[in-house]
Amino acid sequence: MGKRAFLFGLALLATVSVSGCKSPSEKNGKEDNSTTVTDETTTAKENTVSETTTRRKNKEKTGMLGYVEKSKQSSANANAKTLYHSVMSVLTDDEKKIANDIIYTKTGEGEFGEKVNKYFIELDPLEYIVIPDEHGQPKAVLCCSGTSRKDKVGIYGDIEDADDIKELKWKKVLEKFGLEYGKYTDIELEKFDYSSNYSYTHEEPQGIDFEDVDALESCDLASAIAWEYNLGETDIPVYLYGKWSKDTVFTADIDWEIPKHGDIEYVIEFNGFSVSKVFCWDTERDKKYVGDTDFGYGYTNFVDKTWDDVLEYYGYKQGEYVEY
C-alpha cells in the first residue's frame, strides 16, 4: 500500500511539473510553433549537409570509376595496337596481303592465328576484326575479350567513328560491320610485292623535333624507365602512374648515357607483364616536354600538348600516384 501511494505521488508530481512548464502561449490556449520551426531549420541544415556529403562521395566514386574505365580502355587499345603490328608482321614475313574485304577471327585461330600469336603475347583469348585498305594491308584493328558489359572494345588505326565504336558492346560492333558473333570469316591472302613503293596507310603520330635537346632527352628518360622495368637488375615497385627519384640509379644495360634529370613523373602501359609504353616528364623541365617511348623507340602521341594533358587523358591527378 505504501509503495502504491509513493508511485501515485510521483505520477502526480510529474503531471504538475509538465503543466508548470507550458509556455505562456500554450497556457492561453495557443500553440507555440517556435520549437517546430527550429526543428525544421535544423533538419533542413542536416539534409543539406547530407546532400553535400552524398554529392562529394558520388563525385569521388565517379572519379575512381572514371579512372578504372579509362584504364580498361587503354589496355584494350594497347591490345588492338599489338594485334595490328602482329598482323602486319605476319603479312610482311609471308609477303602476303589480305584479299578479304574484312577479317573477323580469334587469336590463335587457324594457321594465320598461330602465326599472329608468335608476335602477340596472348594472356586471354581475343576476338578481333582487321579492316584492310585498298592495298590489302591493315587499316585498322578492333578487338575485345568478351561480350559482357565490362569488356571494352580496343581500337587502333585509321577509323573515322572510333569514339562511337568504343562505346558499343562487341556484338553491336560486329553487327555494324555485317558480322555475326562466333562465325569467323575465312582468311584469304594473296601474294604482295613489298619491294614496291607502297607506304602503310596508318601513319604513326607525328615525331619529336630532333633539334630540341629537351625533347630528345625527355624521350631518352622515358626509354630508360621502360628498359629498367623490363630488364633492370633491381626489383622496383610497379606503378601505372609513378615517380622516379632523381637519386634512383638506373641499372638496365642500355647503350646511351642517361641525361641529367630531376624527379621524373611517368605513366606506364603494360602488355601482359612487360612494359609496352612510357610517357614521362622531368620535373625540372617545362611541362611541354613529354618524354615518350614505345619500349625503346621514341615518338610522341602528345605533340604540342603538356604533361597535364597526359594525366587528363589517363584520368590521373597530379601527384596522386597509382600502384599497379
C-alpha atoms as a PDB file:
ATOM      1  CA  MET A   1       0.000   0.000   0.000  1.00  0.00           C
ATOM      2  CA  GLY A   2       2.847   2.356   0.868  1.00  0.00           C
ATOM      3  CA  LYS A   3       4.549   1.574  -2.428  1.00  0.00           C
ATOM      4  CA  ARG A   4       1.369   2.260  -4.440  1.00  0.00           C
ATOM      5  CA  ALA A   5       0.909   5.598  -2.683  1.00  0.00           C
ATOM      6  CA  PHE A   6       4.539   6.502  -3.418  1.00  0.00           C
ATOM      7  CA  LEU A   7       4.180   5.767  -7.176  1.00  0.00           C
ATOM      8  CA  PHE A   8       0.876   7.707  -7.304  1.00  0.00           C
ATOM      9  CA  GLY A   9       2.657  10.658  -5.727  1.00  0.00           C
ATOM     10  CA  LEU A  10       5.428  10.528  -8.318  1.00  0.00           C
ATOM     11  CA  ALA A  11       2.897  10.423 -11.182  1.00  0.00           C
ATOM     12  CA  LEU A  12       1.042  13.397  -9.722  1.00  0.00           C
ATOM     13  CA  LEU A  13       4.288  15.350  -9.310  1.00  0.00           C
ATOM     14  CA  ALA A  14       5.268  14.650 -12.921  1.00  0.00           C
ATOM     15  CA  THR A  15       1.868  15.856 -14.159  1.00  0.00           C
ATOM     16  CA  VAL A  16       2.169  19.079 -12.199  1.00  0.00           C
ATOM     17  CA  SER A  17       5.737  19.632 -13.451  1.00  0.00           C
ATOM     18  CA  VAL A  18       4.733  19.215 -17.100  1.00  0.00           C
ATOM     19  CA  SER A  19       1.779  21.565 -16.626  1.00  0.00           C
ATOM     20  CA  GLY A  20       4.033  24.139 -14.975  1.00  0.00           C
ATOM     21  CA  CYS A  21       6.497  24.033 -17.921  1.00  0.00           C
ATOM     22  CA  LYS A  22       3.977  25.131 -20.533  1.00  0.00           C
ATOM     23  CA  SER A  23       4.796  28.356 -22.363  1.00  0.00           C
ATOM     24  CA  PRO A  24       2.566  31.403 -21.908  1.00  0.00           C
ATOM     25  CA  SER A  25       1.048  30.853 -25.329  1.00  0.00           C
ATOM     26  CA  GLU A  26       0.165  27.266 -24.502  1.00  0.00           C
ATOM     27  CA  LYS A  27      -1.393  28.330 -21.170  1.00  0.00           C
ATOM     28  CA  ASN A  28      -3.506  30.795 -23.109  1.00  0.00           C
ATOM     29  CA  GLY A  29      -4.689  28.039 -25.402  1.00  0.00           C
ATOM     30  CA  LYS A  30      -2.360  28.971 -28.276  1.00  0.00           C
ATOM     31  CA  GLU A  31       0.122  26.597 -29.921  1.00  0.00           C
ATOM     32  CA  ASP A  32       3.803  27.611 -29.831  1.00  0.00           C
ATOM     33  CA  ASN A  33       5.406  26.940 -33.253  1.00  0.00           C
ATOM     34  CA  SER A  34       8.895  28.174 -32.325  1.00  0.00           C
ATOM     35  CA  THR A  35      10.153  24.689 -31.463  1.00  0.00           C
ATOM     36  CA  THR A  36       8.719  23.266 -34.686  1.00  0.00           C
ATOM     37  CA  VAL A  37      10.391  25.973 -36.795  1.00  0.00           C
ATOM     38  CA  THR A  38      13.705  25.362 -35.055  1.00  0.00           C
ATOM     39  CA  ASP A  39      13.427  21.618 -35.627  1.00  0.00           C
ATOM     40  CA  GLU A  40      12.606  22.173 -39.303  1.00  0.00           C
ATOM     41  CA  THR A  41      15.596  24.506 -39.707  1.00  0.00           C
ATOM     42  CA  THR A  42      17.907  22.001 -38.048  1.00  0.00           C
ATOM     43  CA  THR A  43      16.543  19.196 -40.217  1.00  0.00           C
ATOM     44  CA  ALA A  44      16.992  21.308 -43.365  1.00  0.00           C
ATOM     45  CA  LYS A  45      20.614  22.017 -42.422  1.00  0.00           C
ATOM     46  CA  GLU A  46      21.229  18.349 -41.714  1.00  0.00           C
ATOM     47  CA  ASN A  47      19.669  17.415 -45.064  1.00  0.00           C
ATOM     48  CA  THR A  48      21.842  19.998 -46.841  1.00  0.00           C
ATOM     49  CA  VAL A  49      24.967  18.605 -45.176  1.00  0.00           C
ATOM     50  CA  SER A  50      23.836  15.088 -46.028  1.00  0.00           C
ATOM     51  CA  GLU A  51      23.201  16.015 -49.682  1.00  0.00           C
ATOM     52  CA  THR A  52      26.581  17.763 -49.914  1.00  0.00           C
ATOM     53  CA  THR A  53      28.323  14.732 -48.424  1.00  0.00           C
ATOM     54  CA  THR A  54      26.460  12.431 -50.803  1.00  0.00           C
ATOM     55  CA  ARG A  55      27.439  14.551 -53.802  1.00  0.00           C
ATOM     56  CA  ARG A  56      31.058  14.553 -52.676  1.00  0.00           C
ATOM     57  CA  LYS A  57      31.074  10.795 -52.212  1.00  0.00           C
ATOM     58  CA  ASN A  58      29.381  10.281 -55.566  1.00  0.00           C
ATOM     59  CA  LYS A  59      31.930  12.569 -57.189  1.00  0.00           C
ATOM     60  CA  GLU A  60      34.774  10.610 -55.608  1.00  0.00           C
ATOM     61  CA  LYS A  61      33.174   7.355 -56.698  1.00  0.00           C
ATOM     62  CA  THR A  62      32.654   8.676 -60.217  1.00  0.00           C
ATOM     63  CA  GLY A  63      36.274   9.818 -60.332  1.00  0.00           C
ATOM     64  CA  MET A  64      37.533   6.383 -59.326  1.00  0.00           C
ATOM     65  CA  LEU A  65      35.162   4.699 -61.746  1.00  0.00           C
ATOM     66  CA  GLY A  66      36.347   7.092 -64.433  1.00  0.00           C
ATOM     67  CA  TYR A  67      39.958   6.105 -63.771  1.00  0.00           C
ATOM     68  CA  VAL A  68      39.090   2.395 -63.890  1.00  0.00           C
ATOM     69  CA  GLU A  69      37.149   2.810 -67.145  1.00  0.00           C
ATOM     70  CA  LYS A  70      39.971   4.751 -68.778  1.00  0.00           C
ATOM     71  CA  SER A  71      42.490   2.168 -67.598  1.00  0.00           C
ATOM     72  CA  LYS A  72      40.419  -0.647 -69.129  1.00  0.00           C
ATOM     73  CA  GLN A  73      40.022   1.280 -72.384  1.00  0.00           C
ATOM     74  CA  SER A  74      43.754   1.985 -72.512  1.00  0.00           C
ATOM     75  CA  SER A  75      44.508  -1.719 -72.027  1.00  0.00           C
ATOM     76  CA  ALA A  76      42.047  -2.694 -74.777  1.00  0.00           C
ATOM     77  CA  ASN A  77      43.587  -0.147 -77.161  1.00  0.00           C
ATOM     78  CA  ALA A  78      47.062  -1.493 -76.366  1.00  0.00           C
ATOM     79  CA  ASN A  79      45.874  -4.985 -77.338  1.00  0.00           C
ATOM     80  CA  ALA A  80      44.486  -3.645 -80.613  1.00  0.00           C
ATOM     81  CA  LYS A  81      47.772  -1.892 -81.349  1.00  0.00           C
ATOM     82  CA  THR A  82      49.796  -5.050 -80.653  1.00  0.00           C
ATOM     83  CA  LEU A  83      47.469  -7.104 -82.856  1.00  0.00           C
ATOM     84  CA  TYR A  84      47.793  -4.513 -85.628  1.00  0.00           C
ATOM     85  CA  HIS A  85      51.584  -4.800 -85.642  1.00  0.00           C
ATOM     86  CA  SER A  86      51.430  -8.600 -85.232  1.00  0.00           C
ATOM     87  CA  VAL A  87      49.188  -8.967 -88.293  1.00  0.00           C
ATOM     88  CA  MET A  88      51.419  -6.556 -90.206  1.00  0.00           C
ATOM     89  CA  SER A  89      54.475  -8.636 -89.276  1.00  0.00           C
ATOM     90  CA  VAL A  90      52.865 -11.893 -90.425  1.00  0.00           C
ATOM     91  CA  LEU A  91      51.900 -10.395 -93.777  1.00  0.00           C
ATOM     92  CA  THR A  92      55.366  -8.926 -94.256  1.00  0.00           C
ATOM     93  CA  ASP A  93      57.120 -12.192 -93.362  1.00  0.00           C
ATOM     94  CA  ASP A  94      54.952 -14.186 -95.792  1.00  0.00           C
ATOM     95  CA  GLU A  95      54.925 -11.396 -98.408  1.00  0.00           C
ATOM     96  CA  LYS A  96      51.132 -11.596 -98.488  1.00  0.00           C
ATOM     97  CA  LYS A  97      48.204  -9.188 -98.456  1.00  0.00           C
ATOM     98  CA  ILE A  98      44.597  -9.585 -97.299  1.00  0.00           C
ATOM     99  CA  ALA A  99      42.229 -10.483-100.127  1.00  0.00           C
ATOM    100  CA  ASN A 100      39.101 -10.263 -97.956  1.00  0.00           C
ATOM    101  CA  ASP A 101      37.116  -7.093 -97.509  1.00  0.00           C
ATOM    102  CA  ILE A 102      37.325  -7.693 -93.776  1.00  0.00           C
ATOM    103  CA  ILE A 103      38.660 -10.325 -91.358  1.00  0.00           C
ATOM    104  CA  TYR A 104      36.835 -11.469 -88.216  1.00  0.00           C
ATOM    105  CA  THR A 105      38.727 -14.078 -86.215  1.00  0.00           C
ATOM    106  CA  LYS A 106      40.200 -15.020 -82.853  1.00  0.00           C
ATOM    107  CA  THR A 107      43.752 -15.088 -81.525  1.00  0.00           C
ATOM    108  CA  GLY A 108      45.335 -18.484 -82.153  1.00  0.00           C
ATOM    109  CA  GLU A 109      42.579 -19.489 -84.590  1.00  0.00           C
ATOM    110  CA  GLY A 110      43.936 -21.491 -87.556  1.00  0.00           C
ATOM    111  CA  GLU A 111      47.301 -21.173 -89.288  1.00  0.00           C
ATOM    112  CA  PHE A 112      47.081 -17.387 -89.578  1.00  0.00           C
ATOM    113  CA  GLY A 113      46.169 -17.027 -85.901  1.00  0.00           C
ATOM    114  CA  GLU A 114      49.066 -19.230 -84.821  1.00  0.00           C
ATOM    115  CA  LYS A 115      51.467 -17.007 -86.744  1.00  0.00           C
ATOM    116  CA  VAL A 116      49.957 -13.885 -85.193  1.00  0.00           C
ATOM    117  CA  ASN A 117      50.473 -15.385 -81.739  1.00  0.00           C
ATOM    118  CA  LYS A 118      54.212 -15.564 -82.360  1.00  0.00           C
ATOM    119  CA  TYR A 119      54.220 -11.783 -82.168  1.00  0.00           C
ATOM    120  CA  PHE A 120      51.267 -11.265 -79.832  1.00  0.00           C
ATOM    121  CA  ILE A 121      51.767 -12.300 -76.195  1.00  0.00           C
ATOM    122  CA  GLU A 122      48.345 -13.740 -75.510  1.00  0.00           C
ATOM    123  CA  LEU A 123      47.012 -13.654 -71.960  1.00  0.00           C
ATOM    124  CA  ASP A 124      43.297 -14.050 -72.643  1.00  0.00           C
ATOM    125  CA  PRO A 125      41.695 -15.057 -75.954  1.00  0.00           C
ATOM    126  CA  LEU A 126      40.685 -12.043 -78.012  1.00  0.00           C
ATOM    127  CA  GLU A 127      38.306 -11.759 -80.908  1.00  0.00           C
ATOM    128  CA  TYR A 128      39.378  -9.157 -83.433  1.00  0.00           C
ATOM    129  CA  ILE A 129      38.468  -7.501 -86.708  1.00  0.00           C
ATOM    130  CA  VAL A 130      41.039  -6.455 -89.299  1.00  0.00           C
ATOM    131  CA  ILE A 131      39.903  -3.817 -91.764  1.00  0.00           C
ATOM    132  CA  PRO A 132      42.275  -3.764 -94.778  1.00  0.00           C
ATOM    133  CA  ASP A 133      42.990  -0.781 -97.006  1.00  0.00           C
ATOM    134  CA  GLU A 134      42.881  -0.789-100.795  1.00  0.00           C
ATOM    135  CA  HIS A 135      46.315  -2.451-100.851  1.00  0.00           C
ATOM    136  CA  GLY A 136      45.224  -5.357 -98.636  1.00  0.00           C
ATOM    137  CA  GLN A 137      47.207  -4.103 -95.667  1.00  0.00           C
ATOM    138  CA  PRO A 138      45.744  -3.497 -92.157  1.00  0.00           C
ATOM    139  CA  LYS A 139      43.990  -0.147 -91.996  1.00  0.00           C
ATOM    140  CA  ALA A 140      42.539  -0.664 -88.524  1.00  0.00           C
ATOM    141  CA  VAL A 141      42.143  -3.358 -85.879  1.00  0.00           C
ATOM    142  CA  LEU A 142      39.310  -3.698 -83.376  1.00  0.00           C
ATOM    143  CA  CYS A 143      39.346  -6.292 -80.617  1.00  0.00           C
ATOM    144  CA  CYS A 144      37.522  -7.420 -77.486  1.00  0.00           C
ATOM    145  CA  SER A 145      37.912 -10.153 -74.873  1.00  0.00           C
ATOM    146  CA  GLY A 146      34.198 -10.863 -74.388  1.00  0.00           C
ATOM    147  CA  THR A 147      30.610  -9.743 -74.715  1.00  0.00           C
ATOM    148  CA  SER A 148      29.798  -8.627 -71.179  1.00  0.00           C
ATOM    149  CA  ARG A 149      29.142  -5.001 -70.226  1.00  0.00           C
ATOM    150  CA  LYS A 150      32.604  -4.664 -68.664  1.00  0.00           C
ATOM    151  CA  ASP A 151      34.523  -5.742 -71.795  1.00  0.00           C
ATOM    152  CA  LYS A 152      35.996  -2.763 -73.641  1.00  0.00           C
ATOM    153  CA  VAL A 153      36.449  -2.602 -77.406  1.00  0.00           C
ATOM    154  CA  GLY A 154      40.070  -1.854 -78.294  1.00  0.00           C
ATOM    155  CA  ILE A 155      40.697   0.270 -81.380  1.00  0.00           C
ATOM    156  CA  TYR A 156      43.875   1.062 -83.279  1.00  0.00           C
ATOM    157  CA  GLY A 157      44.393   2.510 -86.734  1.00  0.00           C
ATOM    158  CA  ASP A 158      42.603   4.681 -89.228  1.00  0.00           C
ATOM    159  CA  ILE A 159      38.881   4.549 -88.495  1.00  0.00           C
ATOM    160  CA  GLU A 160      36.683   7.646 -88.512  1.00  0.00           C
ATOM    161  CA  ASP A 161      34.000   6.783 -85.944  1.00  0.00           C
ATOM    162  CA  ALA A 162      36.346   5.309 -83.331  1.00  0.00           C
ATOM    163  CA  ASP A 163      34.787   7.329 -80.472  1.00  0.00           C
ATOM    164  CA  ASP A 164      31.333   5.963 -81.279  1.00  0.00           C
ATOM    165  CA  ILE A 165      32.538   2.389 -81.746  1.00  0.00           C
ATOM    166  CA  LYS A 166      34.322   2.195 -78.396  1.00  0.00           C
ATOM    167  CA  GLU A 167      31.013   2.923 -76.656  1.00  0.00           C
ATOM    168  CA  LEU A 168      29.395  -0.148 -78.244  1.00  0.00           C
ATOM    169  CA  LYS A 169      29.396  -3.709 -76.964  1.00  0.00           C
ATOM    170  CA  TRP A 170      31.244  -6.268 -79.062  1.00  0.00           C
ATOM    171  CA  LYS A 171      28.149  -7.857 -80.613  1.00  0.00           C
ATOM    172  CA  LYS A 172      26.928  -4.425 -81.716  1.00  0.00           C
ATOM    173  CA  VAL A 173      30.335  -3.733 -83.270  1.00  0.00           C
ATOM    174  CA  LEU A 174      30.070  -6.991 -85.214  1.00  0.00           C
ATOM    175  CA  GLU A 175      26.583  -6.048 -86.393  1.00  0.00           C
ATOM    176  CA  LYS A 176      27.893  -2.692 -87.551  1.00  0.00           C
ATOM    177  CA  PHE A 177      30.302  -4.465 -89.900  1.00  0.00           C
ATOM    178  CA  GLY A 178      27.777  -7.083 -91.046  1.00  0.00           C
ATOM    179  CA  LEU A 179      29.305  -9.888 -88.960  1.00  0.00           C
ATOM    180  CA  GLU A 180      27.738 -12.471 -86.659  1.00  0.00           C
ATOM    181  CA  TYR A 181      29.183 -13.366 -83.282  1.00  0.00           C
ATOM    182  CA  GLY A 182      31.209 -16.603 -83.354  1.00  0.00           C
ATOM    183  CA  LYS A 183      31.053 -17.025 -87.139  1.00  0.00           C
ATOM    184  CA  TYR A 184      34.630 -16.263 -88.120  1.00  0.00           C
ATOM    185  CA  THR A 185      35.449 -15.319 -91.694  1.00  0.00           C
ATOM    186  CA  ASP A 186      37.714 -17.363 -93.921  1.00  0.00           C
ATOM    187  CA  ILE A 187      41.046 -15.583 -94.254  1.00  0.00           C
ATOM    188  CA  GLU A 188      42.107 -15.140 -97.865  1.00  0.00           C
ATOM    189  CA  LEU A 189      45.661 -13.991 -98.571  1.00  0.00           C
ATOM    190  CA  GLU A 190      47.358 -13.092-101.830  1.00  0.00           C
ATOM    191  CA  LYS A 191      50.946 -12.539-102.864  1.00  0.00           C
ATOM    192  CA  PHE A 192      52.085  -8.951-102.343  1.00  0.00           C
ATOM    193  CA  ASP A 193      55.196  -7.218-103.616  1.00  0.00           C
ATOM    194  CA  TYR A 194      56.721  -5.402-100.661  1.00  0.00           C
ATOM    195  CA  SER A 195      59.575  -4.145-102.815  1.00  0.00           C
ATOM    196  CA  SER A 196      57.160  -1.678-104.443  1.00  0.00           C
ATOM    197  CA  ASN A 197      56.828   1.893-103.273  1.00  0.00           C
ATOM    198  CA  TYR A 198      53.888   1.016-101.039  1.00  0.00           C
ATOM    199  CA  SER A 199      53.628   3.038 -97.843  1.00  0.00           C
ATOM    200  CA  TYR A 200      51.498   1.988 -94.881  1.00  0.00           C
ATOM    201  CA  THR A 201      48.041   3.552 -94.719  1.00  0.00           C
ATOM    202  CA  HIS A 202      48.256   4.078 -90.986  1.00  0.00           C
ATOM    203  CA  GLU A 203      50.773   6.715 -90.016  1.00  0.00           C
ATOM    204  CA  GLU A 204      52.352   6.831 -86.595  1.00  0.00           C
ATOM    205  CA  PRO A 205      51.808  10.038 -84.622  1.00  0.00           C
ATOM    206  CA  GLN A 206      53.963  12.994 -85.566  1.00  0.00           C
ATOM    207  CA  GLY A 207      57.514  12.641 -84.256  1.00  0.00           C
ATOM    208  CA  ILE A 208      59.536  14.881 -81.991  1.00  0.00           C
ATOM    209  CA  ASP A 209      61.693  17.809 -83.010  1.00  0.00           C
ATOM    210  CA  PHE A 210      65.153  16.271 -83.245  1.00  0.00           C
ATOM    211  CA  GLU A 211      66.779  19.672 -82.910  1.00  0.00           C
ATOM    212  CA  ASP A 212      65.201  20.196 -79.487  1.00  0.00           C
ATOM    213  CA  VAL A 213      67.600  18.791 -76.880  1.00  0.00           C
ATOM    214  CA  ASP A 214      64.995  18.810 -74.090  1.00  0.00           C
ATOM    215  CA  ALA A 215      62.573  16.832 -76.247  1.00  0.00           C
ATOM    216  CA  LEU A 216      65.218  14.261 -77.172  1.00  0.00           C
ATOM    217  CA  GLU A 217      66.424  13.858 -73.599  1.00  0.00           C
ATOM    218  CA  SER A 218      62.854  13.509 -72.344  1.00  0.00           C
ATOM    219  CA  CYS A 219      62.339  10.573 -74.713  1.00  0.00           C
ATOM    220  CA  ASP A 220      65.671   9.094 -73.591  1.00  0.00           C
ATOM    221  CA  LEU A 221      64.408   9.201 -69.991  1.00  0.00           C
ATOM    222  CA  ALA A 222      61.146   7.512 -70.963  1.00  0.00           C
ATOM    223  CA  SER A 223      63.121   4.786 -72.748  1.00  0.00           C
ATOM    224  CA  ALA A 224      65.370   4.339 -69.715  1.00  0.00           C
ATOM    225  CA  ILE A 225      62.349   3.771 -67.457  1.00  0.00           C
ATOM    226  CA  ALA A 226      60.869   1.270 -69.931  1.00  0.00           C
ATOM    227  CA  TRP A 227      64.120  -0.709 -70.098  1.00  0.00           C
ATOM    228  CA  GLU A 228      64.540  -0.533 -66.332  1.00  0.00           C
ATOM    229  CA  TYR A 229      61.170  -2.138 -65.688  1.00  0.00           C
ATOM    230  CA  ASN A 230      61.745  -4.835 -68.316  1.00  0.00           C
ATOM    231  CA  LEU A 231      65.449  -5.550 -67.964  1.00  0.00           C
ATOM    232  CA  GLY A 232      66.690  -3.772 -64.854  1.00  0.00           C
ATOM    233  CA  GLU A 233      68.760  -5.648 -62.311  1.00  0.00           C
ATOM    234  CA  THR A 234      66.886  -4.307 -59.289  1.00  0.00           C
ATOM    235  CA  ASP A 235      63.272  -5.077 -58.409  1.00  0.00           C
ATOM    236  CA  ILE A 236      61.319  -1.850 -58.059  1.00  0.00           C
ATOM    237  CA  PRO A 237      57.676  -1.131 -57.166  1.00  0.00           C
ATOM    238  CA  VAL A 238      55.482  -1.080 -60.256  1.00  0.00           C
ATOM    239  CA  TYR A 239      53.268   1.945 -60.809  1.00  0.00           C
ATOM    240  CA  LEU A 240      50.810   2.844 -63.550  1.00  0.00           C
ATOM    241  CA  TYR A 241      51.479   6.455 -62.556  1.00  0.00           C
ATOM    242  CA  GLY A 242      54.607   6.888 -60.515  1.00  0.00           C
ATOM    243  CA  LYS A 243      57.629   8.981 -59.674  1.00  0.00           C
ATOM    244  CA  TRP A 244      61.267   8.165 -60.392  1.00  0.00           C
ATOM    245  CA  SER A 245      63.509   9.947 -57.923  1.00  0.00           C
ATOM    246  CA  LYS A 246      66.454  11.947 -59.245  1.00  0.00           C
ATOM    247  CA  ASP A 247      68.591   9.895 -56.839  1.00  0.00           C
ATOM    248  CA  THR A 248      67.366   6.462 -58.041  1.00  0.00           C
ATOM    249  CA  VAL A 249      70.007   4.709 -60.140  1.00  0.00           C
ATOM    250  CA  PHE A 250      69.165   3.081 -63.484  1.00  0.00           C
ATOM    251  CA  THR A 251      70.531  -0.477 -63.603  1.00  0.00           C
ATOM    252  CA  ALA A 252      69.400  -1.758 -67.023  1.00  0.00           C
ATOM    253  CA  ASP A 253      72.126  -2.288 -69.631  1.00  0.00           C
ATOM    254  CA  ILE A 254      71.430   0.418 -72.201  1.00  0.00           C
ATOM    255  CA  ASP A 255      73.697   1.842 -74.880  1.00  0.00           C
ATOM    256  CA  TRP A 256      73.206   5.548 -74.252  1.00  0.00           C
ATOM    257  CA  GLU A 257      74.057   7.943 -71.450  1.00  0.00           C
ATOM    258  CA  ILE A 258      71.202   8.803 -69.117  1.00  0.00           C
ATOM    259  CA  PRO A 259      70.589  12.569 -69.298  1.00  0.00           C
ATOM    260  CA  LYS A 260      70.830  14.650 -66.160  1.00  0.00           C
ATOM    261  CA  HIS A 261      67.393  14.967 -64.627  1.00  0.00           C
ATOM    262  CA  GLY A 262      65.335  15.855 -61.586  1.00  0.00           C
ATOM    263  CA  ASP A 263      62.467  13.783 -60.231  1.00  0.00           C
ATOM    264  CA  ILE A 264      60.590  12.152 -63.103  1.00  0.00           C
ATOM    265  CA  GLU A 265      56.872  11.534 -63.177  1.00  0.00           C
ATOM    266  CA  TYR A 266      55.836   8.738 -65.530  1.00  0.00           C
ATOM    267  CA  VAL A 267      52.822   6.807 -66.843  1.00  0.00           C
ATOM    268  CA  ILE A 268      53.195   3.191 -67.977  1.00  0.00           C
ATOM    269  CA  GLU A 269      51.174   0.950 -70.276  1.00  0.00           C
ATOM    270  CA  PHE A 270      51.635  -2.809 -69.983  1.00  0.00           C
ATOM    271  CA  ASN A 271      51.273  -5.617 -72.490  1.00  0.00           C
ATOM    272  CA  GLY A 272      50.841  -8.509 -70.099  1.00  0.00           C
ATOM    273  CA  PHE A 273      53.682  -8.218 -67.599  1.00  0.00           C
ATOM    274  CA  SER A 274      56.004  -6.264 -69.895  1.00  0.00           C
ATOM    275  CA  VAL A 275      56.145  -2.519 -70.313  1.00  0.00           C
ATOM    276  CA  SER A 276      54.948  -1.567 -73.790  1.00  0.00           C
ATOM    277  CA  LYS A 277      54.839   2.224 -73.488  1.00  0.00           C
ATOM    278  CA  VAL A 278      56.032   5.001 -71.182  1.00  0.00           C
ATOM    279  CA  PHE A 279      55.242   8.704 -71.016  1.00  0.00           C
ATOM    280  CA  CYS A 280      57.274  10.851 -68.645  1.00  0.00           C
ATOM    281  CA  TRP A 281      58.002  14.375 -67.511  1.00  0.00           C
ATOM    282  CA  ASP A 282      61.237  15.548 -65.909  1.00  0.00           C
ATOM    283  CA  THR A 283      60.007  17.932 -63.211  1.00  0.00           C
ATOM    284  CA  GLU A 284      62.981  20.234 -63.808  1.00  0.00           C
ATOM    285  CA  ARG A 285      61.855  20.875 -67.400  1.00  0.00           C
ATOM    286  CA  ASP A 286      58.830  22.655 -68.824  1.00  0.00           C
ATOM    287  CA  LYS A 287      55.641  20.558 -68.827  1.00  0.00           C
ATOM    288  CA  LYS A 288      55.536  20.744 -72.625  1.00  0.00           C
ATOM    289  CA  TYR A 289      58.446  18.278 -72.760  1.00  0.00           C
ATOM    290  CA  VAL A 290      56.622  14.966 -72.657  1.00  0.00           C
ATOM    291  CA  GLY A 291      59.030  12.062 -72.981  1.00  0.00           C
ATOM    292  CA  ASP A 292      57.578   9.110 -74.883  1.00  0.00           C
ATOM    293  CA  THR A 293      58.786   5.665 -75.803  1.00  0.00           C
ATOM    294  CA  ASP A 294      57.308   2.569 -77.381  1.00  0.00           C
ATOM    295  CA  PHE A 295      59.749   0.358 -75.471  1.00  0.00           C
ATOM    296  CA  GLY A 296      62.932   1.936 -76.714  1.00  0.00           C
ATOM    297  CA  TYR A 297      61.761   3.625 -79.911  1.00  0.00           C
ATOM    298  CA  GLY A 298      60.793   7.180 -79.125  1.00  0.00           C
ATOM    299  CA  TYR A 299      57.918   9.077 -80.680  1.00  0.00           C
ATOM    300  CA  THR A 300      55.188  11.091 -79.082  1.00  0.00           C
ATOM    301  CA  ASN A 301      51.399  10.952 -79.156  1.00  0.00           C
ATOM    302  CA  PHE A 302      51.309  14.267 -77.310  1.00  0.00           C
ATOM    303  CA  VAL A 303      52.939  16.684 -79.731  1.00  0.00           C
ATOM    304  CA  ASP A 304      52.043  20.286 -78.829  1.00  0.00           C
ATOM    305  CA  LYS A 305      50.473  19.061 -75.571  1.00  0.00           C
ATOM    306  CA  THR A 306      51.719  19.072 -71.979  1.00  0.00           C
ATOM    307  CA  TRP A 307      52.160  16.670 -69.089  1.00  0.00           C
ATOM    308  CA  ASP A 308      48.799  17.846 -67.761  1.00  0.00           C
ATOM    309  CA  ASP A 309      47.229  16.598 -70.995  1.00  0.00           C
ATOM    310  CA  VAL A 310      48.798  13.169 -70.466  1.00  0.00           C
ATOM    311  CA  LEU A 311      47.436  12.922 -66.925  1.00  0.00           C
ATOM    312  CA  GLU A 312      43.998  14.103 -68.033  1.00  0.00           C
ATOM    313  CA  TYR A 313      43.955  11.513 -70.836  1.00  0.00           C
ATOM    314  CA  TYR A 314      44.709   8.675 -68.425  1.00  0.00           C
ATOM    315  CA  GLY A 315      42.473  10.038 -65.666  1.00  0.00           C
ATOM    316  CA  TYR A 316      45.218  10.662 -63.118  1.00  0.00           C
ATOM    317  CA  LYS A 317      45.625  13.607 -60.740  1.00  0.00           C
ATOM    318  CA  GLN A 318      48.937  15.358 -60.289  1.00  0.00           C
ATOM    319  CA  GLY A 319      50.961  13.706 -57.527  1.00  0.00           C
ATOM    320  CA  GLU A 320      48.374  11.010 -56.727  1.00  0.00           C
ATOM    321  CA  TYR A 321      50.463   8.025 -57.824  1.00  0.00           C
ATOM    322  CA  VAL A 322      48.759   4.745 -58.710  1.00  0.00           C
ATOM    323  CA  GLU A 323      50.424   1.418 -57.919  1.00  0.00           C
ATOM    324  CA  TYR A 324      49.955  -1.464 -60.359  1.00  0.00           C
END
